[in-house]
PDB file of all heavy atoms in Angstrom:
ATOM      1  N   GLY A   1     -12.347 -13.694  14.353  1.00  0.00           N
ATOM      2  CA  GLY A   1     -11.510 -14.728  13.562  1.00  0.00           C
ATOM      3  C   GLY A   1     -10.080 -14.505  13.550  1.00  0.00           C
ATOM      4  O   GLY A   1      -9.214 -15.341  12.994  1.00  0.00           O
ATOM      5  N   ILE A   2      -9.580 -13.308  14.027  1.00  0.00           N
ATOM      6  CA  ILE A   2      -8.102 -12.975  14.062  1.00  0.00           C
ATOM      7  C   ILE A   2      -7.613 -13.389  15.435  1.00  0.00           C
ATOM      8  O   ILE A   2      -8.055 -12.967  16.436  1.00  0.00           O
ATOM      9  CB  ILE A   2      -7.937 -11.515  13.794  1.00  0.00           C
ATOM     10  CG1 ILE A   2      -8.589 -11.167  12.443  1.00  0.00           C
ATOM     11  CG2 ILE A   2      -6.480 -11.111  13.984  1.00  0.00           C
ATOM     12  CD1 ILE A   2      -7.773 -11.882  11.253  1.00  0.00           C
ATOM     13  N   ASP A   3      -6.446 -14.238  15.312  1.00  0.00           N
ATOM     14  CA  ASP A   3      -5.808 -14.679  16.580  1.00  0.00           C
ATOM     15  C   ASP A   3      -4.574 -13.775  17.013  1.00  0.00           C
ATOM     16  O   ASP A   3      -4.215 -13.558  18.102  1.00  0.00           O
ATOM     17  CB  ASP A   3      -5.458 -16.079  16.413  1.00  0.00           C
ATOM     18  CG  ASP A   3      -4.895 -16.642  17.694  1.00  0.00           C
ATOM     19  OD1 ASP A   3      -5.679 -16.934  18.636  1.00  0.00           O
ATOM     20  OD2 ASP A   3      -3.626 -17.045  17.657  1.00  0.00           O
ATOM     21  N   ARG A   4      -3.915 -13.244  15.907  1.00  0.00           N
ATOM     22  CA  ARG A   4      -2.699 -12.493  16.198  1.00  0.00           C
ATOM     23  C   ARG A   4      -2.622 -11.399  15.255  1.00  0.00           C
ATOM     24  O   ARG A   4      -3.063 -11.434  14.031  1.00  0.00           O
ATOM     25  CB  ARG A   4      -1.446 -13.473  15.929  1.00  0.00           C
ATOM     26  CG  ARG A   4      -1.229 -14.481  17.008  1.00  0.00           C
ATOM     27  CD  ARG A   4       0.091 -15.236  16.664  1.00  0.00           C
ATOM     28  NE  ARG A   4      -0.022 -16.115  15.483  1.00  0.00           N
ATOM     29  CZ  ARG A   4       1.017 -16.514  14.736  1.00  0.00           C
ATOM     30  NH1 ARG A   4       2.289 -16.163  15.051  1.00  0.00           N
ATOM     31  NH2 ARG A   4       0.808 -17.313  13.810  1.00  0.00           N
ATOM     32  N   VAL A   5      -1.975 -10.300  15.672  1.00  0.00           N
ATOM     33  CA  VAL A   5      -1.538  -9.244  14.772  1.00  0.00           C
ATOM     34  C   VAL A   5       0.025  -9.068  14.834  1.00  0.00           C
ATOM     35  O   VAL A   5       0.619  -8.698  15.914  1.00  0.00           O
ATOM     36  CB  VAL A   5      -2.164  -7.823  15.277  1.00  0.00           C
ATOM     37  CG1 VAL A   5      -1.702  -6.592  14.465  1.00  0.00           C
ATOM     38  CG2 VAL A   5      -3.643  -7.843  15.363  1.00  0.00           C
ATOM     39  N   VAL A   6       0.571  -9.459  13.878  1.00  0.00           N
ATOM     40  CA  VAL A   6       1.973  -9.574  13.685  1.00  0.00           C
ATOM     41  C   VAL A   6       2.641  -8.229  13.134  1.00  0.00           C
ATOM     42  O   VAL A   6       2.144  -7.781  12.116  1.00  0.00           O
ATOM     43  CB  VAL A   6       2.454 -10.711  12.772  1.00  0.00           C
ATOM     44  CG1 VAL A   6       3.947 -10.821  12.639  1.00  0.00           C
ATOM     45  CG2 VAL A   6       1.985 -12.107  13.490  1.00  0.00           C
ATOM     46  N   VAL A   7       3.649  -7.676  13.827  1.00  0.00           N
ATOM     47  CA  VAL A   7       4.162  -6.377  13.559  1.00  0.00           C
ATOM     48  C   VAL A   7       5.524  -6.610  12.748  1.00  0.00           C
ATOM     49  O   VAL A   7       6.441  -7.414  13.176  1.00  0.00           O
ATOM     50  CB  VAL A   7       4.364  -5.554  14.685  1.00  0.00           C
ATOM     51  CG1 VAL A   7       5.167  -4.162  14.313  1.00  0.00           C
ATOM     52  CG2 VAL A   7       3.182  -5.284  15.440  1.00  0.00           C
ATOM     53  N   VAL A   8       5.517  -6.185  11.595  1.00  0.00           N
ATOM     54  CA  VAL A   8       6.650  -6.512  10.534  1.00  0.00           C
ATOM     55  C   VAL A   8       7.353  -5.218  10.245  1.00  0.00           C
ATOM     56  O   VAL A   8       6.856  -4.040  10.208  1.00  0.00           O
ATOM     57  CB  VAL A   8       6.116  -7.021   9.341  1.00  0.00           C
ATOM     58  CG1 VAL A   8       7.187  -7.214   8.166  1.00  0.00           C
ATOM     59  CG2 VAL A   8       5.412  -8.425   9.730  1.00  0.00           C
ATOM     60  N   ALA A   9       8.839  -5.240  10.157  1.00  0.00           N
ATOM     61  CA  ALA A   9       9.598  -4.118   9.550  1.00  0.00           C
ATOM     62  C   ALA A   9      10.189  -4.629   8.363  1.00  0.00           C
ATOM     63  O   ALA A   9      10.639  -5.924   8.178  1.00  0.00           O
ATOM     64  CB  ALA A   9      10.647  -3.842  10.612  1.00  0.00           C
ATOM     65  N   SER A  10      10.415  -3.818   7.313  1.00  0.00           N
ATOM     66  CA  SER A  10      11.077  -4.095   6.023  1.00  0.00           C
ATOM     67  C   SER A  10      11.918  -3.008   5.703  1.00  0.00           C
ATOM     68  O   SER A  10      11.623  -1.757   5.981  1.00  0.00           O
ATOM     69  CB  SER A  10      10.095  -4.352   5.029  1.00  0.00           C
ATOM     70  OG  SER A  10       9.202  -3.348   4.763  1.00  0.00           O
ATOM     71  N   THR A  11      13.019  -3.124   5.010  1.00  0.00           N
ATOM     72  CA  THR A  11      13.893  -2.135   4.597  1.00  0.00           C
ATOM     73  C   THR A  11      13.684  -1.814   3.093  1.00  0.00           C
ATOM     74  O   THR A  11      13.257  -2.535   2.376  1.00  0.00           O
ATOM     75  CB  THR A  11      15.424  -2.493   4.752  1.00  0.00           C
ATOM     76  OG1 THR A  11      15.557  -3.809   4.121  1.00  0.00           O
ATOM     77  CG2 THR A  11      15.713  -2.669   6.208  1.00  0.00           C
ATOM     78  N   ASP A  12      14.091  -0.662   2.648  1.00  0.00           N
ATOM     79  CA  ASP A  12      13.953  -0.199   1.345  1.00  0.00           C
ATOM     80  C   ASP A  12      15.367   0.332   0.858  1.00  0.00           C
ATOM     81  O   ASP A  12      15.753   1.355   1.357  1.00  0.00           O
ATOM     82  CB  ASP A  12      13.008   0.960   1.173  1.00  0.00           C
ATOM     83  CG  ASP A  12      12.805   1.434  -0.285  1.00  0.00           C
ATOM     84  OD1 ASP A  12      13.244   0.667  -1.264  1.00  0.00           O
ATOM     85  OD2 ASP A  12      12.191   2.478  -0.513  1.00  0.00           O
ATOM     86  N   GLY A  13      16.201  -0.515   0.107  1.00  0.00           N
ATOM     87  CA  GLY A  13      17.490  -0.093  -0.394  1.00  0.00           C
ATOM     88  C   GLY A  13      18.717  -0.607   0.463  1.00  0.00           C
ATOM     89  O   GLY A  13      19.595   0.063   0.460  1.00  0.00           O
ATOM     90  N   GLY A  14      18.474  -1.569   1.318  1.00  0.00           N
ATOM     91  CA  GLY A  14      19.588  -2.029   2.193  1.00  0.00           C
ATOM     92  C   GLY A  14      18.990  -3.059   3.086  1.00  0.00           C
ATOM     93  O   GLY A  14      18.016  -3.701   2.951  1.00  0.00           O
ATOM     94  N   THR A  15      19.979  -3.461   4.127  1.00  0.00           N
ATOM     95  CA  THR A  15      19.651  -4.546   4.932  1.00  0.00           C
ATOM     96  C   THR A  15      19.381  -3.998   6.359  1.00  0.00           C
ATOM     97  O   THR A  15      19.969  -2.841   6.736  1.00  0.00           O
ATOM     98  CB  THR A  15      20.736  -5.572   4.973  1.00  0.00           C
ATOM     99  OG1 THR A  15      21.892  -5.052   5.662  1.00  0.00           O
ATOM    100  CG2 THR A  15      21.022  -6.151   3.609  1.00  0.00           C
ATOM    101  N   PHE A  16      18.904  -4.711   7.291  1.00  0.00           N
ATOM    102  CA  PHE A  16      18.805  -4.286   8.676  1.00  0.00           C
ATOM    103  C   PHE A  16      20.162  -4.140   9.418  1.00  0.00           C
ATOM    104  O   PHE A  16      20.266  -3.594  10.529  1.00  0.00           O
ATOM    105  CB  PHE A  16      17.889  -5.138   9.554  1.00  0.00           C
ATOM    106  CG  PHE A  16      16.454  -4.670   9.250  1.00  0.00           C
ATOM    107  CD1 PHE A  16      15.574  -5.481   8.541  1.00  0.00           C
ATOM    108  CD2 PHE A  16      15.978  -3.556   9.842  1.00  0.00           C
ATOM    109  CE1 PHE A  16      14.298  -5.022   8.244  1.00  0.00           C
ATOM    110  CE2 PHE A  16      14.709  -3.051   9.521  1.00  0.00           C
ATOM    111  CZ  PHE A  16      13.743  -3.855   8.739  1.00  0.00           C
ATOM    112  N   GLY A  17      21.215  -4.770   8.815  1.00  0.00           N
ATOM    113  CA  GLY A  17      22.504  -4.626   9.473  1.00  0.00           C
ATOM    114  C   GLY A  17      22.990  -3.311   9.324  1.00  0.00           C
ATOM    115  O   GLY A  17      23.954  -2.762   9.932  1.00  0.00           O
ATOM    116  N   GLN A  18      22.406  -2.432   8.301  1.00  0.00           N
ATOM    117  CA  GLN A  18      22.773  -1.064   8.032  1.00  0.00           C
ATOM    118  C   GLN A  18      21.856  -0.092   8.906  1.00  0.00           C
ATOM    119  O   GLN A  18      21.999   1.076   8.776  1.00  0.00           O
ATOM    120  CB  GLN A  18      22.716  -0.689   6.684  1.00  0.00           C
ATOM    121  CG  GLN A  18      23.596  -1.671   5.761  1.00  0.00           C
ATOM    122  CD  GLN A  18      23.202  -1.460   4.333  1.00  0.00           C
ATOM    123  OE1 GLN A  18      22.326  -2.059   3.750  1.00  0.00           O
ATOM    124  NE2 GLN A  18      23.964  -0.678   3.640  1.00  0.00           N
ATOM    125  N   VAL A  19      20.972  -0.678   9.733  1.00  0.00           N
ATOM    126  CA  VAL A  19      19.966   0.126  10.258  1.00  0.00           C
ATOM    127  C   VAL A  19      20.283   0.166  11.836  1.00  0.00           C
ATOM    128  O   VAL A  19      19.979  -0.842  12.559  1.00  0.00           O
ATOM    129  CB  VAL A  19      18.530  -0.377  10.078  1.00  0.00           C
ATOM    130  CG1 VAL A  19      17.514   0.618  10.850  1.00  0.00           C
ATOM    131  CG2 VAL A  19      18.204  -0.400   8.586  1.00  0.00           C
ATOM    132  N   PRO A  20      20.702   1.313  12.394  1.00  0.00           N
ATOM    133  CA  PRO A  20      21.149   1.253  13.806  1.00  0.00           C
ATOM    134  C   PRO A  20      19.929   1.500  14.651  1.00  0.00           C
ATOM    135  O   PRO A  20      19.070   2.227  14.242  1.00  0.00           O
ATOM    136  CB  PRO A  20      22.167   2.272  13.858  1.00  0.00           C
ATOM    137  CG  PRO A  20      21.810   3.285  12.810  1.00  0.00           C
ATOM    138  CD  PRO A  20      21.281   2.484  11.647  1.00  0.00           C
ATOM    139  N   GLY A  21      19.951   1.038  15.934  1.00  0.00           N
ATOM    140  CA  GLY A  21      18.979   1.380  16.843  1.00  0.00           C
ATOM    141  C   GLY A  21      17.558   0.984  16.600  1.00  0.00           C
ATOM    142  O   GLY A  21      16.593   1.681  16.972  1.00  0.00           O
ATOM    143  N   LEU A  22      17.397  -0.206  15.873  1.00  0.00           N
ATOM    144  CA  LEU A  22      16.072  -0.635  15.582  1.00  0.00           C
ATOM    145  C   LEU A  22      15.325  -1.129  16.809  1.00  0.00           C
ATOM    146  O   LEU A  22      15.799  -1.924  17.642  1.00  0.00           O
ATOM    147  CB  LEU A  22      16.177  -1.784  14.511  1.00  0.00           C
ATOM    148  CG  LEU A  22      14.871  -2.425  14.040  1.00  0.00           C
ATOM    149  CD1 LEU A  22      14.066  -1.307  13.235  1.00  0.00           C
ATOM    150  CD2 LEU A  22      15.127  -3.705  13.272  1.00  0.00           C
ATOM    151  N   SER A  23      14.094  -0.598  16.919  1.00  0.00           N
ATOM    152  CA  SER A  23      13.361  -1.064  18.254  1.00  0.00           C
ATOM    153  C   SER A  23      11.877  -0.862  17.972  1.00  0.00           C
ATOM    154  O   SER A  23      11.446  -0.293  16.905  1.00  0.00           O
ATOM    155  CB  SER A  23      13.674  -0.137  19.392  1.00  0.00           C
ATOM    156  OG  SER A  23      13.226   1.231  19.259  1.00  0.00           O
ATOM    157  N   ILE A  24      11.131  -1.671  18.760  1.00  0.00           N
ATOM    158  CA  ILE A  24       9.690  -1.516  18.658  1.00  0.00           C
ATOM    159  C   ILE A  24       9.135  -1.158  20.208  1.00  0.00           C
ATOM    160  O   ILE A  24       9.614  -1.775  21.063  1.00  0.00           O
ATOM    161  CB  ILE A  24       8.977  -2.858  18.123  1.00  0.00           C
ATOM    162  CG1 ILE A  24       7.573  -2.730  18.002  1.00  0.00           C
ATOM    163  CG2 ILE A  24       9.443  -4.081  18.886  1.00  0.00           C
ATOM    164  CD1 ILE A  24       6.876  -3.869  17.304  1.00  0.00           C
ATOM    165  N   ARG A  25       8.178  -0.301  20.130  1.00  0.00           N
ATOM    166  CA  ARG A  25       7.503   0.080  21.406  1.00  0.00           C
ATOM    167  C   ARG A  25       5.988  -0.086  21.345  1.00  0.00           C
ATOM    168  O   ARG A  25       5.456   0.178  20.211  1.00  0.00           O
ATOM    169  CB  ARG A  25       7.797   1.502  21.837  1.00  0.00           C
ATOM    170  CG  ARG A  25       9.306   1.674  22.304  1.00  0.00           C
ATOM    171  CD  ARG A  25       9.396   3.034  23.209  1.00  0.00           C
ATOM    172  NE  ARG A  25       8.873   4.142  22.621  1.00  0.00           N
ATOM    173  CZ  ARG A  25       8.458   5.221  23.321  1.00  0.00           C
ATOM    174  NH1 ARG A  25       8.441   5.144  24.657  1.00  0.00           N
ATOM    175  NH2 ARG A  25       7.955   6.272  22.671  1.00  0.00           N
ATOM    176  N   VAL A  26       5.424  -0.645  22.255  1.00  0.00           N
ATOM    177  CA  VAL A  26       3.962  -0.683  22.358  1.00  0.00           C
ATOM    178  C   VAL A  26       3.442   0.308  23.423  1.00  0.00           C
ATOM    179  O   VAL A  26       3.850   0.147  24.693  1.00  0.00           O
ATOM    180  CB  VAL A  26       3.467  -2.137  22.694  1.00  0.00           C
ATOM    181  CG1 VAL A  26       1.880  -2.151  22.666  1.00  0.00           C
ATOM    182  CG2 VAL A  26       4.007  -3.116  21.604  1.00  0.00           C
ATOM    183  N   LEU A  27       2.652   1.240  23.166  1.00  0.00           N
ATOM    184  CA  LEU A  27       2.205   2.357  24.072  1.00  0.00           C
ATOM    185  C   LEU A  27       0.760   2.199  24.166  1.00  0.00           C
ATOM    186  O   LEU A  27       0.010   1.725  23.261  1.00  0.00           O
ATOM    187  CB  LEU A  27       2.502   3.702  23.473  1.00  0.00           C
ATOM    188  CG  LEU A  27       4.099   3.840  23.105  1.00  0.00           C
ATOM    189  CD1 LEU A  27       4.147   5.335  22.538  1.00  0.00           C
ATOM    190  CD2 LEU A  27       4.888   3.686  24.315  1.00  0.00           C
ATOM    191  N   ASP A  28       0.138   2.614  25.293  1.00  0.00           N
ATOM    192  CA  ASP A  28      -1.271   2.740  25.562  1.00  0.00           C
ATOM    193  C   ASP A  28      -1.730   3.906  24.734  1.00  0.00           C
ATOM    194  O   ASP A  28      -1.257   5.063  24.841  1.00  0.00           O
ATOM    195  CB  ASP A  28      -1.480   3.050  26.993  1.00  0.00           C
ATOM    196  CG  ASP A  28      -3.060   3.072  27.274  1.00  0.00           C
ATOM    197  OD1 ASP A  28      -3.801   3.381  26.341  1.00  0.00           O
ATOM    198  OD2 ASP A  28      -3.422   2.874  28.426  1.00  0.00           O
ATOM    199  N   ALA A  29      -2.726   3.716  23.705  1.00  0.00           N
ATOM    200  CA  ALA A  29      -3.038   4.762  22.932  1.00  0.00           C
ATOM    201  C   ALA A  29      -3.790   5.931  23.611  1.00  0.00           C
ATOM    202  O   ALA A  29      -3.627   6.968  23.017  1.00  0.00           O
ATOM    203  CB  ALA A  29      -3.940   4.216  21.762  1.00  0.00           C
TER     204      ALA A  29
END
């Protein structure tokens, strides 16, 4: 019944404009 797995990032105490080098990688487990 699940069509998508959405990957989310959230900050604690600031904005993503203050977070350098933000990236996401998908690796073969």
